[in-house]
Amino acid sequence: MKQYFKIVGSARYLPRKCIHAEELDRRSGLEAGWTLKHTGVRVRHEAGPDESGTEMARRVVMDALKSAGFGLRDLDLLIDASLCLQQPIPSNSALILESLGREAAGCATMDVHSSCLGFVAALQTVNGLFAAEGYDRAVIVCGETPLRGVNWDEPESAHLMGDGAAAIVLERCSPRDGCAFRFQTFAEGAQLCRVEGGCHRLPPAAYASSNRARYEFHMDGKGVHRFASQHLPAMVAEAVAASGTPLSDLHVVPHQASGPSIELLTRRLGIGRSRVHSSVEHHGNMVAAGIPFVLHGARAELAEGVRVMLVGTAAGYSQAVAIFTL
């Protein structure tokens, strides 16, 4: 597969309020050290009233464009790849464009929704659109507020989460060899991660205190790990072979699910730990924003031309790999 994009700018944002692992231990009546041991997260950030997903997205889009040396009028396409929806209609991307003001008027927008793998799905979408020469410059943004939807009665998942945002600016380039995308869904695991309420199947009007948990996030962590162990290694091996780059030569940015899950992924795939980029202990699981958040940091450390692999799992059960050149 050919790579038709080049990353030319990026930015990230963490809300002002910090919540430390010890505070969550006390809040949930758990023994000291439980949260850090089970999640690997020391601190996460919680969005305040003035830090909506839309507002955080606006900030990182503007900062990412500035880092690329672009203005809003240079942008052809804005894709929101967030998990957290601001409202059913219009799309997140339209709300973000509204927040950017009149200078952004007329830019194409769309949402690409794929749970924690939204950024990877959006990146593959942009690569295809660039290949068709439909657009020249795009930004992918994720503005996430998962802490507003967790179930605090389930600390195994609730204590993982953190709010934040990231954006990546892409420019169409001459095709490069060695790009590989793989995306798979095994729907027998569809109920492993879920929020049942809030849409047409279980609408907001049906909410009651007795069914509150159905409107909050639920995760079967052991089930997700079991599916990942069964299915992910083969897909990674296939993508690596298609890219023509040995796994040992790739820098890896995994989905920032949890500290233990990243360690498991590293061991299971046989990836050298020095090439795995992770900062989950400092911000928690920011769902779709996690991969672009860490990718922004990796760009500051890595030279142009380095080969990168994005990899992760998501609700569905879905899994994805993207291999490309910085």
Protein backbone atom coordinates (compact mmCIF):
# COMPACT_ATOMS: atom_id res chain seq x y z
CA MET A 1 0.00 0.00 0.00
CA LYS A 2 1.17 3.54 -0.73
CA GLN A 3 1.36 6.35 1.82
CA TYR A 4 -0.08 9.60 0.49
CA PHE A 5 0.24 11.75 3.62
CA LYS A 6 2.92 13.50 5.61
CA ILE A 7 2.45 14.73 9.19
CA VAL A 8 3.31 18.42 9.20
CA GLY A 9 1.87 19.61 12.53
CA SER A 10 0.45 18.38 15.83
CA ALA A 11 -0.69 19.55 19.25
CA ARG A 12 -2.16 18.20 22.48
CA TYR A 13 -4.00 19.50 25.53
CA LEU A 14 -4.65 18.34 29.07
CA PRO A 15 -7.33 19.96 31.27
CA ARG A 16 -6.21 21.96 34.28
CA LYS A 17 -7.63 19.73 37.02
CA CYS A 18 -5.52 16.73 38.06
CA ILE A 19 -6.87 13.67 39.87
CA HIS A 20 -4.22 11.48 41.50
CA ALA A 21 -4.46 7.73 41.98
CA GLU A 22 -4.45 8.10 45.76
CA GLU A 23 -7.51 10.35 45.59
CA LEU A 24 -9.40 7.71 43.63
CA ASP A 25 -8.40 5.03 46.15
CA ARG A 26 -9.94 7.12 48.93
CA ARG A 27 -13.02 8.05 46.86
CA SER A 28 -13.83 4.40 46.15
CA GLY A 29 -12.87 3.07 49.59
CA LEU A 30 -10.03 0.98 48.18
CA GLU A 31 -6.73 0.17 49.86
CA ALA A 32 -3.95 2.66 49.17
CA GLY A 33 -2.12 1.82 45.96
CA TRP A 34 -4.98 -0.16 44.36
CA THR A 35 -5.52 2.22 41.42
CA LEU A 36 -1.84 2.46 40.49
CA LYS A 37 -1.34 -1.31 40.77
CA HIS A 38 -4.37 -2.24 38.66
CA THR A 39 -4.32 0.57 36.08
CA GLY A 40 -0.77 1.91 35.96
CA VAL A 41 -2.20 5.46 36.02
CA ARG A 42 -0.68 7.88 38.54
CA VAL A 43 -2.62 10.96 37.48
CA ARG A 44 -5.34 11.85 35.02
CA HIS A 45 -6.94 15.18 34.10
CA GLU A 46 -10.61 16.11 34.30
CA ALA A 47 -12.20 18.71 32.03
CA GLY A 48 -13.83 21.67 33.73
CA PRO A 49 -17.04 23.49 32.73
CA ASP A 50 -15.11 25.64 30.22
CA GLU A 51 -13.24 22.64 28.76
CA SER A 52 -15.83 20.82 26.67
CA GLY A 53 -14.73 18.36 24.03
CA THR A 54 -15.45 21.00 21.40
CA GLU A 55 -13.41 23.67 23.18
CA MET A 56 -10.44 21.37 23.73
CA ALA A 57 -10.64 20.33 20.07
CA ARG A 58 -10.68 23.96 18.97
CA ARG A 59 -7.54 24.67 20.98
CA VAL A 60 -5.53 21.76 19.62
CA VAL A 61 -6.64 22.35 16.02
CA MET A 62 -5.41 25.96 16.20
CA ASP A 63 -2.15 24.94 17.89
CA ALA A 64 -1.55 22.11 15.43
CA LEU A 65 -2.15 24.40 12.44
CA LYS A 66 0.24 26.95 13.94
CA SER A 67 2.93 24.29 14.32
CA ALA A 68 2.43 23.38 10.65
CA GLY A 69 2.63 27.01 9.56
CA PHE A 70 -0.93 26.89 8.22
CA GLY A 71 -4.00 29.01 8.73
CA LEU A 72 -7.62 27.94 8.76
CA ARG A 73 -8.05 28.91 5.11
CA ASP A 74 -5.32 26.41 4.16
CA LEU A 75 -7.40 23.54 5.51
CA ASP A 76 -9.47 21.36 3.13
CA LEU A 77 -10.84 18.77 5.55
CA LEU A 78 -11.50 18.48 9.29
CA ILE A 79 -12.19 15.02 10.72
CA ASP A 80 -13.32 14.50 14.28
CA ALA A 81 -12.36 10.99 15.42
CA SER A 82 -13.55 11.27 19.02
CA LEU A 83 -15.46 8.65 20.94
CA CYS A 84 -17.26 11.24 23.09
CA LEU A 85 -20.12 12.85 21.17
CA GLN A 86 -21.15 16.37 22.14
CA GLN A 87 -24.73 15.84 20.92
CA PRO A 88 -26.51 13.53 18.44
CA ILE A 89 -26.86 16.18 15.69
CA PRO A 90 -24.93 17.95 14.26
CA SER A 91 -21.66 16.05 14.16
CA ASN A 92 -18.73 16.86 16.42
CA SER A 93 -16.78 18.10 13.40
CA ALA A 94 -19.47 20.64 12.52
CA LEU A 95 -19.49 21.93 16.10
CA ILE A 96 -15.71 22.26 16.03
CA LEU A 97 -15.86 24.15 12.74
CA GLU A 98 -18.45 26.48 14.28
CA SER A 99 -16.08 27.16 17.19
CA LEU A 100 -13.26 28.01 14.77
CA GLY A 101 -15.22 30.94 13.36
CA ARG A 102 -15.90 32.45 9.96
CA GLU A 103 -12.36 31.93 8.64
CA ALA A 104 -13.02 28.18 8.58
CA ALA A 105 -16.28 28.50 6.63
CA GLY A 106 -16.64 26.03 3.78
CA CYS A 107 -14.10 23.49 5.02
CA ALA A 108 -15.32 19.92 4.57
CA THR A 109 -16.04 18.09 7.84
CA MET A 110 -16.89 14.56 8.86
CA ASP A 111 -16.85 12.34 11.94
CA VAL A 112 -15.06 8.98 11.88
CA HIS A 113 -16.29 7.04 14.88
CA SER A 114 -14.45 3.87 15.87
CA SER A 115 -14.24 3.97 19.67
CA CYS A 116 -10.62 4.04 20.89
CA LEU A 117 -9.31 3.44 17.36
CA GLY A 118 -10.95 6.53 15.87
CA PHE A 119 -7.64 8.20 15.02
CA VAL A 120 -6.30 5.12 13.22
CA ALA A 121 -9.52 4.76 11.21
CA ALA A 122 -9.45 8.46 10.33
CA LEU A 123 -5.81 8.25 9.24
CA GLN A 124 -6.64 5.42 6.84
CA THR A 125 -9.59 7.48 5.57
CA VAL A 126 -7.37 10.49 4.89
CA ASN A 127 -4.80 8.32 3.12
CA GLY A 128 -7.50 7.08 0.75
CA LEU A 129 -8.92 10.56 0.17
CA PHE A 130 -5.45 11.94 -0.56
CA ALA A 131 -4.81 9.04 -2.96
CA ALA A 132 -7.95 10.08 -4.85
CA GLU A 133 -6.60 13.67 -4.92
CA GLY A 134 -9.78 14.97 -3.35
CA TYR A 135 -8.03 16.99 -0.63
CA ASP A 136 -4.58 18.44 0.02
CA ARG A 137 -4.54 19.30 3.73
CA ALA A 138 -6.48 17.75 6.58
CA VAL A 139 -6.59 17.77 10.35
CA ILE A 140 -7.69 14.85 12.51
CA VAL A 141 -8.79 15.86 16.01
CA CYS A 142 -9.95 13.99 19.11
CA GLY A 143 -11.42 15.90 22.06
CA GLU A 144 -12.35 13.43 24.79
CA THR A 145 -14.21 13.70 28.11
CA PRO A 146 -14.70 10.05 29.16
CA LEU A 147 -14.73 10.90 32.87
CA ARG A 148 -18.24 12.30 32.38
CA GLY A 149 -19.53 8.83 31.47
CA VAL A 150 -17.74 6.34 33.72
CA ASN A 151 -19.40 4.14 36.31
CA TRP A 152 -17.61 4.83 39.60
CA ASP A 153 -19.01 1.56 40.96
CA GLU A 154 -16.67 -0.20 38.50
CA PRO A 155 -13.21 1.11 39.46
CA GLU A 156 -11.46 -1.37 37.14
CA SER A 157 -12.55 0.81 34.22
CA ALA A 158 -13.48 4.15 35.84
CA HIS A 159 -10.06 4.64 37.42
CA LEU A 160 -8.36 4.21 34.04
CA MET A 161 -9.93 7.18 32.33
CA GLY A 162 -8.72 10.71 31.72
CA ASP A 163 -9.85 13.69 29.65
CA GLY A 164 -7.76 15.42 26.98
CA ALA A 165 -7.35 16.26 23.31
CA ALA A 166 -4.91 15.97 20.42
CA ALA A 167 -4.78 16.98 16.75
CA ILE A 168 -2.59 15.95 13.83
CA VAL A 169 -2.24 17.98 10.59
CA LEU A 170 -1.63 16.04 7.38
CA GLU A 171 -0.55 17.21 3.93
CA ARG A 172 -0.81 15.24 0.70
CA CYS A 173 2.56 14.11 -0.64
CA SER A 174 4.05 12.00 -3.40
CA PRO A 175 3.27 8.33 -2.72
CA ARG A 176 5.70 6.41 -0.52
CA ASP A 177 6.13 2.66 -0.35
CA GLY A 178 5.86 0.55 2.78
CA CYS A 179 2.61 1.83 4.26
CA ALA A 180 0.27 -0.76 5.79
CA PHE A 181 -3.19 -0.53 7.36
CA ARG A 182 -5.12 -3.39 8.89
CA PHE A 183 -8.51 -3.10 10.63
CA GLN A 184 -10.58 -6.03 11.90
CA THR A 185 -13.73 -6.47 13.99
CA PHE A 186 -14.77 -9.67 15.77
CA ALA A 187 -18.33 -8.86 16.74
CA GLU A 188 -18.69 -11.82 19.10
CA GLY A 189 -16.91 -9.45 21.48
CA ALA A 190 -19.27 -6.54 20.80
CA GLN A 191 -20.57 -6.41 24.38
CA LEU A 192 -17.17 -6.43 26.09
CA CYS A 193 -17.07 -2.62 26.13
CA ARG A 194 -20.35 -0.75 25.96
CA VAL A 195 -22.59 2.14 26.91
CA GLU A 196 -26.18 1.03 26.30
CA GLY A 197 -28.17 4.20 26.92
CA GLY A 198 -28.34 7.62 25.32
CA CYS A 199 -29.34 6.88 21.72
CA HIS A 200 -32.43 5.50 19.98
CA ARG A 201 -32.33 1.98 21.43
CA LEU A 202 -32.42 3.35 24.99
CA PRO A 203 -33.13 7.08 24.63
CA PRO A 204 -32.34 9.80 27.17
CA ALA A 205 -36.05 10.09 28.05
CA ALA A 206 -35.94 6.53 29.41
CA TYR A 207 -33.28 7.40 31.99
CA ALA A 208 -34.06 6.71 35.63
CA SER A 209 -31.93 6.37 38.72
CA SER A 210 -32.68 2.64 38.69
CA ASN A 211 -31.08 2.15 35.25
CA ARG A 212 -28.26 4.69 35.60
CA ALA A 213 -25.54 2.08 35.00
CA ARG A 214 -26.90 1.41 31.50
CA TYR A 215 -26.01 5.00 30.58
CA GLU A 216 -22.43 4.61 31.86
CA PHE A 217 -19.36 2.83 30.55
CA HIS A 218 -18.89 -0.86 31.24
CA MET A 219 -15.82 -2.91 30.30
CA ASP A 220 -14.92 -6.57 30.66
CA GLY A 221 -11.17 -6.05 30.81
CA LYS A 222 -10.30 -9.74 31.02
CA GLY A 223 -12.47 -10.45 28.00
CA VAL A 224 -10.76 -7.72 25.97
CA HIS A 225 -7.32 -9.07 26.90
CA ARG A 226 -8.41 -12.57 25.91
CA PHE A 227 -9.61 -11.43 22.49
CA ALA A 228 -6.46 -9.38 21.94
CA SER A 229 -4.26 -12.35 22.78
CA GLN A 230 -6.19 -14.51 20.33
CA HIS A 231 -6.43 -12.13 17.38
CA LEU A 232 -3.97 -9.22 17.56
CA PRO A 233 -0.57 -10.95 17.03
CA ALA A 234 -1.57 -12.42 13.66
CA MET A 235 -2.84 -9.09 12.37
CA VAL A 236 0.31 -7.28 13.51
CA ALA A 237 2.51 -9.90 11.83
CA GLU A 238 0.54 -9.55 8.59
CA ALA A 239 0.83 -5.75 8.62
CA VAL A 240 4.55 -5.82 9.41
CA ALA A 241 5.17 -8.24 6.55
CA ALA A 242 3.17 -6.07 4.16
CA SER A 243 5.14 -2.96 5.18
CA GLY A 244 8.50 -4.57 4.43
CA THR A 245 9.97 -3.20 7.67
CA PRO A 246 11.04 -5.57 10.47
CA LEU A 247 9.21 -5.12 13.76
CA SER A 248 12.56 -4.42 15.43
CA ASP A 249 12.97 -1.30 13.26
CA LEU A 250 9.56 0.20 14.07
CA HIS A 251 8.75 2.73 16.76
CA VAL A 252 5.43 1.71 18.31
CA VAL A 253 2.64 3.96 19.60
CA PRO A 254 0.01 1.74 21.23
CA HIS A 255 -3.48 2.68 22.33
CA GLN A 256 -3.03 4.04 25.86
CA ALA A 257 -5.49 1.59 27.41
CA SER A 258 -3.70 0.98 30.72
CA GLY A 259 -0.21 0.38 32.05
CA PRO A 260 -0.69 -3.40 32.41
CA SER A 261 -2.27 -3.74 28.96
CA ILE A 262 0.66 -1.96 27.28
CA GLU A 263 3.13 -4.20 29.10
CA LEU A 264 1.12 -7.25 28.01
CA LEU A 265 1.05 -6.03 24.42
CA THR A 266 4.81 -5.42 24.45
CA ARG A 267 5.55 -8.93 25.73
CA ARG A 268 2.95 -10.70 23.58
CA LEU A 269 4.17 -9.09 20.34
CA GLY A 270 7.86 -9.25 21.23
CA ILE A 271 8.43 -5.50 20.87
CA GLY A 272 11.57 -3.96 22.37
CA ARG A 273 10.43 -1.77 25.27
CA SER A 274 12.78 1.06 24.27
CA ARG A 275 10.79 1.48 21.04
CA VAL A 276 7.37 1.62 22.69
CA HIS A 277 6.08 5.15 23.30
CA SER A 278 3.71 5.41 26.25
CA SER A 279 2.76 8.04 28.82
CA VAL A 280 -0.48 6.54 30.14
CA GLU A 281 0.62 6.89 33.78
CA HIS A 282 0.53 10.69 33.38
CA HIS A 283 -2.90 11.09 31.72
CA GLY A 284 -4.81 7.80 31.80
CA ASN A 285 -6.88 6.27 29.01
CA MET A 286 -8.09 9.17 26.85
CA VAL A 287 -9.89 6.78 24.46
CA ALA A 288 -9.39 7.95 20.86
CA ALA A 289 -7.17 10.90 21.86
CA GLY A 290 -4.54 8.61 23.40
CA ILE A 291 -2.74 7.55 20.22
CA PRO A 292 -2.45 11.04 18.63
CA PHE A 293 -1.54 12.50 22.05
CA VAL A 294 1.45 10.16 22.35
CA LEU A 295 2.26 10.44 18.62
CA HIS A 296 2.66 14.21 19.12
CA GLY A 297 5.28 13.55 21.81
CA ALA A 298 7.03 10.92 19.70
CA ARG A 299 7.40 13.40 16.84
CA ALA A 300 9.52 15.61 19.09
CA GLU A 301 11.88 12.70 19.81
CA LEU A 302 12.12 10.98 16.44
CA ALA A 303 13.80 12.07 13.22
CA GLU A 304 11.92 12.57 9.99
CA GLY A 305 11.83 9.36 7.98
CA VAL A 306 11.52 7.07 11.00
CA ARG A 307 9.01 4.24 10.62
CA VAL A 308 6.11 4.17 13.10
CA MET A 309 3.45 1.61 13.98
CA LEU A 310 0.17 2.54 15.64
CA VAL A 311 -1.60 -0.41 17.22
CA GLY A 312 -4.55 -0.98 19.51
CA THR A 313 -7.91 -2.46 20.31
CA ALA A 314 -11.35 -0.96 20.80
CA ALA A 315 -14.98 -1.69 21.51
CA GLY A 316 -16.52 -3.87 18.87
CA TYR A 317 -14.27 -5.95 19.50
CA SER A 318 -12.05 -4.15 16.96
CA GLN A 319 -8.29 -4.04 16.41
CA ALA A 320 -6.11 -2.02 14.08
CA VAL A 321 -2.54 -1.44 12.91
CA ALA A 322 -1.11 1.44 10.89
CA ILE A 323 2.51 1.48 9.72
CA PHE A 324 3.89 4.59 7.99
CA THR A 325 6.85 6.96 7.68
CA LEU A 326 7.10 10.14 9.74
